[in-house]
């Protein structure tokens, strides 16, 4: 299970002596006051009227903003409007009215949110059984697991496994780029990805098949309409449409097409991804550096349950390169569990362990 995170005991003297947080108005739209408090992804508490409160929609690299109703939010600087009340100060120990709970990091010692501190190795053992339990528990509790995928997942023949996870309710939302959808749709229509057959062999005229796939979807009007018209008959995007799993496809400067569903404005793309990140109760990132780090920056390190308790937001990052996993953790997503392996092996083995976990639970006596 995910690690539970205790709330600090705010009744102790060190907290009762802390002042309320200080606010200053934003001087202009998208401009924060000098000395604004910049947030981390860790549990954060702001003292107002002698009471410690947690802001909504936590993430790193944001500002603490109080709305007209007195509710605290963490907002990206570009979203702050002129005159809004913004917390100022730098201290994270409560001495300026803001406390960041780092006590549960590093074995319970008093820690600090930092960049560039990862230790990732392909020699570390991979606990597939634990990851399978986490996924099954998320489904059982009605959680919102966000999957972030790169095109290598499609090229490596892990496409069928990703489709299985969507079909069986383990995906709350899919965040990816144009290429993931393009090559998945190419595989559905033509049986190739970037012109390669399922055995990895180039096919005659295959170099243009992804463009033909894009054209068919553009002619249909959208991915969903292409599914409805029978143009797309299987695969990842077909499963998302069929099971009404939301997806966000964000574009890049090198995209072919792109598909009509792709968000080509970077800021609009961030906002679209953020709408799912704020609901995430787990994250699985497979074979994508750009989208994994972008999503990691939007995620808190914890989940706030309905009863107000906190638990760690389980985050799994998979890549064949240690660099990508290290980079994610170095950008502050310290809770990420790094898996250094290829997408095909990871997806196939994880599915095997999830099926095993489901079978064991089905056979277990009720009440155990």
Protein backbone atom coordinates (compact mmCIF):
# COMPACT_ATOMS: atom_id res chain seq x y z
CA UNK A 1 0.00 0.00 0.00
CA UNK A 2 0.98 3.65 -0.39
CA UNK A 3 2.77 5.14 2.58
CA UNK A 4 0.51 7.19 4.87
CA UNK A 5 1.71 10.68 5.75
CA UNK A 6 0.81 11.98 9.23
CA UNK A 7 -0.28 15.57 9.72
CA UNK A 8 2.01 17.59 12.01
CA UNK A 9 0.89 18.09 15.59
CA UNK A 10 0.02 21.77 15.39
CA UNK A 11 -0.85 21.82 19.10
CA UNK A 12 2.82 21.80 20.08
CA UNK A 13 4.40 25.08 21.15
CA UNK A 14 6.66 25.54 18.12
CA UNK A 15 3.59 25.87 15.89
CA UNK A 16 1.45 27.90 18.28
CA UNK A 17 4.18 30.55 18.36
CA UNK A 18 4.23 30.91 14.55
CA UNK A 19 2.68 34.03 13.00
CA UNK A 20 -0.03 34.11 10.39
CA UNK A 21 1.14 34.12 6.77
CA UNK A 22 1.65 37.51 5.12
CA UNK A 23 -0.04 38.46 1.85
CA UNK A 24 0.63 41.01 -0.83
CA UNK A 25 -1.51 41.79 -3.90
CA UNK A 26 -0.36 40.67 -7.31
CA UNK A 27 0.79 43.84 -9.12
CA UNK A 28 -0.54 42.76 -12.54
CA UNK A 29 -2.09 39.82 -14.36
CA UNK A 30 0.44 36.98 -14.46
CA UNK A 31 2.91 38.85 -12.21
CA UNK A 32 3.58 37.85 -8.61
CA UNK A 33 4.69 40.25 -5.86
CA UNK A 34 8.38 40.32 -4.99
CA UNK A 35 9.28 37.76 -2.32
CA UNK A 36 6.32 35.46 -3.11
CA UNK A 37 6.43 31.99 -1.55
CA UNK A 38 7.20 29.34 -4.18
CA UNK A 39 5.64 25.96 -3.53
CA UNK A 40 6.95 22.40 -3.49
CA UNK A 41 5.00 19.20 -4.13
CA UNK A 42 5.09 18.29 -0.42
CA UNK A 43 2.24 18.72 2.11
CA UNK A 44 2.06 22.45 2.80
CA UNK A 45 0.16 24.30 5.53
CA UNK A 46 -0.61 28.02 5.75
CA UNK A 47 -1.49 29.73 9.04
CA UNK A 48 -4.56 31.98 8.81
CA UNK A 49 -6.34 33.39 11.85
CA UNK A 50 -4.32 31.09 14.07
CA UNK A 51 -5.43 28.01 12.12
CA UNK A 52 -3.23 25.88 9.85
CA UNK A 53 -4.86 25.15 6.49
CA UNK A 54 -3.83 23.14 3.43
CA UNK A 55 -4.22 24.84 0.02
CA UNK A 56 -6.11 23.18 -2.80
CA UNK A 57 -4.60 21.77 -6.01
CA UNK A 58 -1.04 21.36 -4.67
CA UNK A 59 1.96 21.26 -7.01
CA UNK A 60 5.54 22.45 -7.15
CA UNK A 61 6.60 25.76 -8.73
CA UNK A 62 3.39 27.60 -7.89
CA UNK A 63 2.23 30.43 -5.63
CA UNK A 64 -0.12 30.43 -2.65
CA UNK A 65 -3.21 32.50 -3.47
CA UNK A 66 -6.26 33.31 -1.36
CA UNK A 67 -9.50 33.88 -3.27
CA UNK A 68 -12.36 36.22 -2.36
CA UNK A 69 -14.05 33.47 -0.35
CA UNK A 70 -10.91 33.00 1.76
CA UNK A 71 -10.01 29.66 0.16
CA UNK A 72 -6.31 28.95 -0.41
CA UNK A 73 -5.12 27.65 -3.78
CA UNK A 74 -1.79 26.83 -5.37
CA UNK A 75 -1.71 28.58 -8.72
CA UNK A 76 0.76 28.90 -11.56
CA UNK A 77 2.03 32.47 -11.73
CA UNK A 78 0.54 33.02 -15.18
CA UNK A 79 -2.93 32.29 -13.79
CA UNK A 80 -2.80 34.87 -10.98
CA UNK A 81 -4.81 38.04 -11.60
CA UNK A 82 -3.93 41.58 -10.56
CA UNK A 83 -4.93 42.32 -6.97
CA UNK A 84 -5.22 38.70 -5.82
CA UNK A 85 -3.72 38.03 -2.40
CA UNK A 86 -0.45 36.10 -2.66
CA UNK A 87 1.54 34.67 0.26
CA UNK A 88 5.01 36.18 0.62
CA UNK A 89 8.00 34.76 2.50
CA UNK A 90 10.67 32.16 1.96
CA UNK A 91 10.79 30.10 5.17
CA UNK A 92 9.25 26.63 5.10
CA UNK A 93 9.51 25.94 8.85
CA UNK A 94 6.41 27.87 9.91
CA UNK A 95 8.33 30.95 11.09
CA UNK A 96 6.64 33.03 8.35
CA UNK A 97 3.27 31.33 8.52
CA UNK A 98 3.98 28.54 6.01
CA UNK A 99 5.04 25.03 6.97
CA UNK A 100 6.19 22.37 4.50
CA UNK A 101 6.04 18.88 5.97
CA UNK A 102 9.31 17.17 5.15
CA UNK A 103 9.48 15.14 8.36
CA UNK A 104 8.39 11.89 6.66
CA UNK A 105 11.22 12.05 4.09
CA UNK A 106 14.42 10.11 4.50
CA UNK A 107 13.32 7.76 7.22
CA UNK A 108 11.53 10.38 9.28
CA UNK A 109 14.36 12.83 9.63
CA UNK A 110 13.80 16.52 9.05
CA UNK A 111 14.50 16.95 5.35
CA UNK A 112 14.13 19.53 2.62
CA UNK A 113 12.65 19.65 -0.87
CA UNK A 114 15.60 19.80 -3.25
CA UNK A 115 16.52 19.30 -6.88
CA UNK A 116 19.34 17.06 -8.16
CA UNK A 117 19.37 14.40 -5.43
CA UNK A 118 18.36 11.16 -7.17
CA UNK A 119 19.96 7.75 -6.93
CA UNK A 120 18.73 5.57 -9.78
CA UNK A 121 20.29 2.37 -11.04
CA UNK A 122 19.27 -0.35 -13.47
CA UNK A 123 20.72 -2.80 -10.93
CA UNK A 124 17.98 -2.09 -8.38
CA UNK A 125 15.38 -4.88 -8.13
CA UNK A 126 11.93 -4.23 -9.64
CA UNK A 127 9.04 -5.03 -7.31
CA UNK A 128 6.33 -5.85 -9.83
CA UNK A 129 4.17 -7.47 -7.16
CA UNK A 130 4.01 -4.23 -5.17
CA UNK A 131 3.20 -2.18 -8.27
CA UNK A 132 0.45 -4.64 -9.18
CA UNK A 133 -1.05 -4.35 -5.68
CA UNK A 134 -1.02 -0.56 -5.94
CA UNK A 135 -2.85 -0.63 -9.26
CA UNK A 136 -5.47 -3.10 -8.05
CA UNK A 137 -6.01 -1.11 -4.85
CA UNK A 138 -6.46 2.08 -6.88
CA UNK A 139 -9.13 0.42 -8.97
CA UNK A 140 -10.87 -0.99 -5.90
CA UNK A 141 -11.00 2.38 -4.14
CA UNK A 142 -12.20 4.16 -7.29
CA UNK A 143 -8.97 6.11 -7.68
CA UNK A 144 -7.74 8.08 -10.66
CA UNK A 145 -4.50 6.58 -12.02
CA UNK A 146 -2.97 8.82 -14.66
CA UNK A 147 -0.82 7.08 -17.29
CA UNK A 148 1.79 9.07 -19.21
CA UNK A 149 3.18 7.29 -22.25
CA UNK A 150 5.66 7.75 -25.06
CA UNK A 151 5.68 6.28 -28.59
CA UNK A 152 8.27 3.64 -27.68
CA UNK A 153 5.44 1.88 -25.86
CA UNK A 154 3.65 1.43 -29.20
CA UNK A 155 6.77 0.54 -31.20
CA UNK A 156 7.87 -2.07 -28.65
CA UNK A 157 4.70 -4.14 -29.01
CA UNK A 158 3.48 -3.12 -25.54
CA UNK A 159 0.42 -1.70 -27.27
CA UNK A 160 -1.72 -4.76 -26.52
CA UNK A 161 -0.83 -4.59 -22.83
CA UNK A 162 -1.67 -0.87 -22.60
CA UNK A 163 -4.98 -1.61 -24.27
CA UNK A 164 -5.62 -4.36 -21.70
CA UNK A 165 -5.04 -1.94 -18.79
CA UNK A 166 -7.55 0.51 -20.30
CA UNK A 167 -10.09 -2.23 -21.03
CA UNK A 168 -9.90 -3.48 -17.44
CA UNK A 169 -10.33 -0.16 -15.65
CA UNK A 170 -6.77 0.59 -14.55
CA UNK A 171 -6.46 3.90 -16.40
CA UNK A 172 -8.18 7.08 -15.21
CA UNK A 173 -6.67 9.29 -17.93
CA UNK A 174 -4.02 9.00 -20.62
CA UNK A 175 -1.52 11.82 -21.21
CA UNK A 176 0.67 11.55 -24.29
CA UNK A 177 1.84 13.26 -27.45
CA UNK A 178 0.74 13.19 -31.06
CA UNK A 179 3.10 10.32 -31.89
CA UNK A 180 1.57 7.83 -29.45
CA UNK A 181 -1.86 8.24 -30.98
CA UNK A 182 -0.57 8.38 -34.57
CA UNK A 183 1.38 5.14 -34.37
CA UNK A 184 -1.31 3.38 -32.38
CA UNK A 185 -3.85 4.34 -35.05
CA UNK A 186 -1.43 3.36 -37.82
CA UNK A 187 -1.16 -0.06 -36.17
CA UNK A 188 -4.94 -0.38 -36.13
CA UNK A 189 -5.43 0.63 -39.77
CA UNK A 190 -2.30 -0.75 -41.44
CA UNK A 191 -0.77 -3.17 -38.93
CA UNK A 192 2.49 -1.18 -38.78
CA UNK A 193 4.15 1.49 -36.63
CA UNK A 194 6.29 3.98 -38.54
CA UNK A 195 6.08 1.50 -41.40
CA UNK A 196 7.51 -1.37 -39.36
CA UNK A 197 5.72 -4.70 -39.14
CA UNK A 198 4.99 -6.38 -35.84
CA UNK A 199 8.33 -8.19 -36.13
CA UNK A 200 10.22 -4.92 -36.59
CA UNK A 201 10.79 -5.26 -40.33
CA UNK A 202 10.37 -2.35 -42.75
CA UNK A 203 7.51 -2.64 -45.20
CA UNK A 204 7.39 -1.36 -48.78
CA UNK A 205 5.99 2.19 -48.78
CA UNK A 206 5.68 1.98 -45.01
CA UNK A 207 7.38 5.31 -44.41
CA UNK A 208 4.18 7.10 -45.45
CA UNK A 209 1.66 4.99 -43.57
CA UNK A 210 1.62 7.17 -40.45
CA UNK A 211 0.74 10.14 -42.69
CA UNK A 212 -2.06 8.15 -44.29
CA UNK A 213 -3.35 7.26 -40.80
CA UNK A 214 -3.34 10.94 -39.81
CA UNK A 215 -5.18 11.85 -42.99
CA UNK A 216 -7.92 9.28 -42.34
CA UNK A 217 -8.53 10.67 -38.84
CA UNK A 218 -8.52 14.26 -40.10
CA UNK A 219 -11.07 13.25 -42.72
CA UNK A 220 -13.25 11.72 -40.00
CA UNK A 221 -12.96 14.88 -37.88
CA UNK A 222 -11.56 13.41 -34.66
CA UNK A 223 -10.27 10.19 -33.11
CA UNK A 224 -13.67 9.49 -31.57
CA UNK A 225 -15.43 9.96 -34.90
CA UNK A 226 -12.88 7.68 -36.59
CA UNK A 227 -13.68 5.01 -34.00
CA UNK A 228 -17.42 5.48 -34.51
CA UNK A 229 -16.96 5.22 -38.30
CA UNK A 230 -15.01 1.97 -37.99
CA UNK A 231 -11.77 3.50 -39.26
CA UNK A 232 -10.02 2.70 -35.96
CA UNK A 233 -11.01 -0.76 -34.75
CA UNK A 234 -8.54 -1.67 -31.99
CA UNK A 235 -5.69 -0.41 -29.84
CA UNK A 236 -5.04 2.25 -27.23
CA UNK A 237 -7.05 5.15 -28.63
CA UNK A 238 -9.92 2.83 -29.59
CA UNK A 239 -10.04 1.57 -25.99
CA UNK A 240 -9.99 5.13 -24.59
CA UNK A 241 -12.93 6.13 -26.79
CA UNK A 242 -14.85 2.91 -26.19
CA UNK A 243 -14.48 3.07 -22.39
CA UNK A 244 -14.76 6.87 -22.22
CA UNK A 245 -11.30 7.22 -20.70
CA UNK A 246 -10.21 10.85 -21.18
CA UNK A 247 -6.97 11.53 -22.99
CA UNK A 248 -4.83 14.61 -23.57
CA UNK A 249 -2.52 14.71 -26.58
CA UNK A 250 -0.11 17.65 -26.48
CA UNK A 251 1.89 18.68 -29.50
CA UNK A 252 5.53 19.45 -30.21
CA UNK A 253 7.35 21.35 -32.96
CA UNK A 254 8.20 18.13 -34.82
CA UNK A 255 4.69 16.66 -35.01
CA UNK A 256 3.38 15.34 -38.30
CA UNK A 257 -0.21 16.33 -39.00
CA UNK A 258 -1.02 16.66 -36.18
CA UNK A 259 -4.14 14.70 -35.37
CA UNK A 260 -7.18 16.96 -34.90
CA UNK A 261 -7.36 16.12 -31.16
CA UNK A 262 -3.83 17.38 -30.43
CA UNK A 263 -3.48 20.54 -28.33
CA UNK A 264 -0.80 22.52 -30.15
CA UNK A 265 -0.67 25.52 -27.80
CA UNK A 266 1.80 24.67 -25.01
CA UNK A 267 0.04 26.69 -22.32
CA UNK A 268 -3.35 25.24 -23.26
CA UNK A 269 -1.70 21.81 -23.24
CA UNK A 270 -0.40 22.38 -19.72
CA UNK A 271 -3.86 23.40 -18.56
CA UNK A 272 -5.42 20.34 -20.18
CA UNK A 273 -2.91 18.02 -18.49
CA UNK A 274 -3.30 19.84 -15.18
CA UNK A 275 -7.03 19.15 -15.11
CA UNK A 276 -6.17 15.47 -14.76
CA UNK A 277 -3.08 15.93 -12.57
CA UNK A 278 -5.18 17.59 -9.84
CA UNK A 279 -7.36 14.45 -9.70
CA UNK A 280 -4.52 11.93 -9.89
CA UNK A 281 -4.24 9.35 -7.12
CA UNK A 282 -1.43 7.43 -8.85
CA UNK A 283 0.83 8.04 -11.85
CA UNK A 284 2.48 5.58 -14.23
CA UNK A 285 4.96 7.11 -16.68
CA UNK A 286 6.34 4.90 -19.43
CA UNK A 287 9.02 5.75 -22.01
CA UNK A 288 8.65 9.52 -22.19
CA UNK A 289 11.03 12.13 -20.80
CA UNK A 290 9.18 15.30 -21.76
CA UNK A 291 5.68 14.27 -20.73
CA UNK A 292 6.84 12.47 -17.57
CA UNK A 293 8.74 15.49 -16.25
CA UNK A 294 5.94 17.85 -17.26
CA UNK A 295 3.38 15.73 -15.42
CA UNK A 296 5.67 15.25 -12.43
CA UNK A 297 5.96 19.02 -12.07
CA UNK A 298 2.15 19.24 -11.89
CA UNK A 299 1.68 16.49 -9.32
CA UNK A 300 1.74 16.76 -5.54
CA UNK A 301 3.73 14.10 -3.72
CA UNK A 302 0.62 13.12 -1.78
CA UNK A 303 -3.08 12.35 -2.05
CA UNK A 304 -5.63 13.96 0.27
CA UNK A 305 -8.34 11.45 1.12
CA UNK A 306 -11.97 12.43 1.72
CA UNK A 307 -11.45 12.17 5.49
CA UNK A 308 -8.51 14.61 5.33
CA UNK A 309 -5.80 11.98 5.80
CA UNK A 310 -2.77 11.97 3.53
CA UNK A 311 -0.95 9.22 1.68
CA UNK A 312 1.91 9.20 -0.75
CA UNK A 313 0.93 9.55 -4.40
CA UNK A 314 2.45 6.41 -5.87
CA UNK A 315 4.45 7.40 -8.96
CA UNK A 316 6.15 4.88 -11.24
CA UNK A 317 8.58 6.07 -13.91
CA UNK A 318 9.78 3.58 -16.52
CA UNK A 319 12.46 4.12 -19.14
CA UNK A 320 15.28 2.19 -20.74
CA UNK A 321 17.61 5.07 -19.83
CA UNK A 322 18.65 5.89 -16.28
CA UNK A 323 18.86 9.52 -17.37
CA UNK A 324 15.09 9.93 -17.74
CA UNK A 325 14.26 8.41 -14.36
CA UNK A 326 17.02 10.43 -12.67
CA UNK A 327 15.88 13.61 -14.41
CA UNK A 328 12.33 13.19 -13.12
CA UNK A 329 13.52 12.74 -9.56
CA UNK A 330 16.04 15.55 -9.92
CA UNK A 331 13.19 17.86 -10.92
CA UNK A 332 11.64 17.28 -7.50
CA UNK A 333 9.37 14.27 -8.02
CA UNK A 334 11.18 12.49 -5.19
CA UNK A 335 8.38 9.98 -4.62
CA UNK A 336 8.87 8.45 -8.09
CA UNK A 337 9.82 4.78 -8.09
CA UNK A 338 12.31 4.38 -10.92
CA UNK A 339 12.19 1.33 -13.17
CA UNK A 340 15.07 1.13 -15.64
CA UNK A 341 13.92 -1.32 -18.32
CA UNK A 342 12.28 -1.30 -21.74
CA UNK A 343 8.60 -0.55 -22.17
CA UNK A 344 7.70 -3.91 -23.66
CA UNK A 345 9.12 -5.95 -20.78
CA UNK A 346 7.65 -3.64 -18.14
CA UNK A 347 4.13 -3.61 -19.56
CA UNK A 348 4.01 -7.33 -20.21
CA UNK A 349 5.37 -8.31 -16.79
CA UNK A 350 3.24 -5.76 -14.93
CA UNK A 351 0.13 -7.11 -16.65
CA UNK A 352 1.14 -10.65 -15.65
CA UNK A 353 1.50 -9.61 -12.00
CA UNK A 354 -1.78 -7.67 -12.02
CA UNK A 355 -3.60 -10.70 -13.43
CA UNK A 356 -1.94 -12.81 -10.73
CA UNK A 357 -3.00 -10.33 -8.03
CA UNK A 358 -6.58 -10.30 -9.29
CA UNK A 359 -6.67 -14.10 -9.35
CA UNK A 360 -5.32 -14.30 -5.78
CA UNK A 361 -7.92 -11.85 -4.53
CA UNK A 362 -10.71 -13.69 -6.30
CA UNK A 363 -9.67 -16.96 -4.63
CA UNK A 364 -9.11 -15.48 -1.16
CA UNK A 365 -11.82 -16.20 1.43
CA UNK A 366 -14.14 -13.24 2.00
CA UNK A 367 -13.13 -11.03 4.90
CA UNK A 368 -9.38 -11.72 4.55
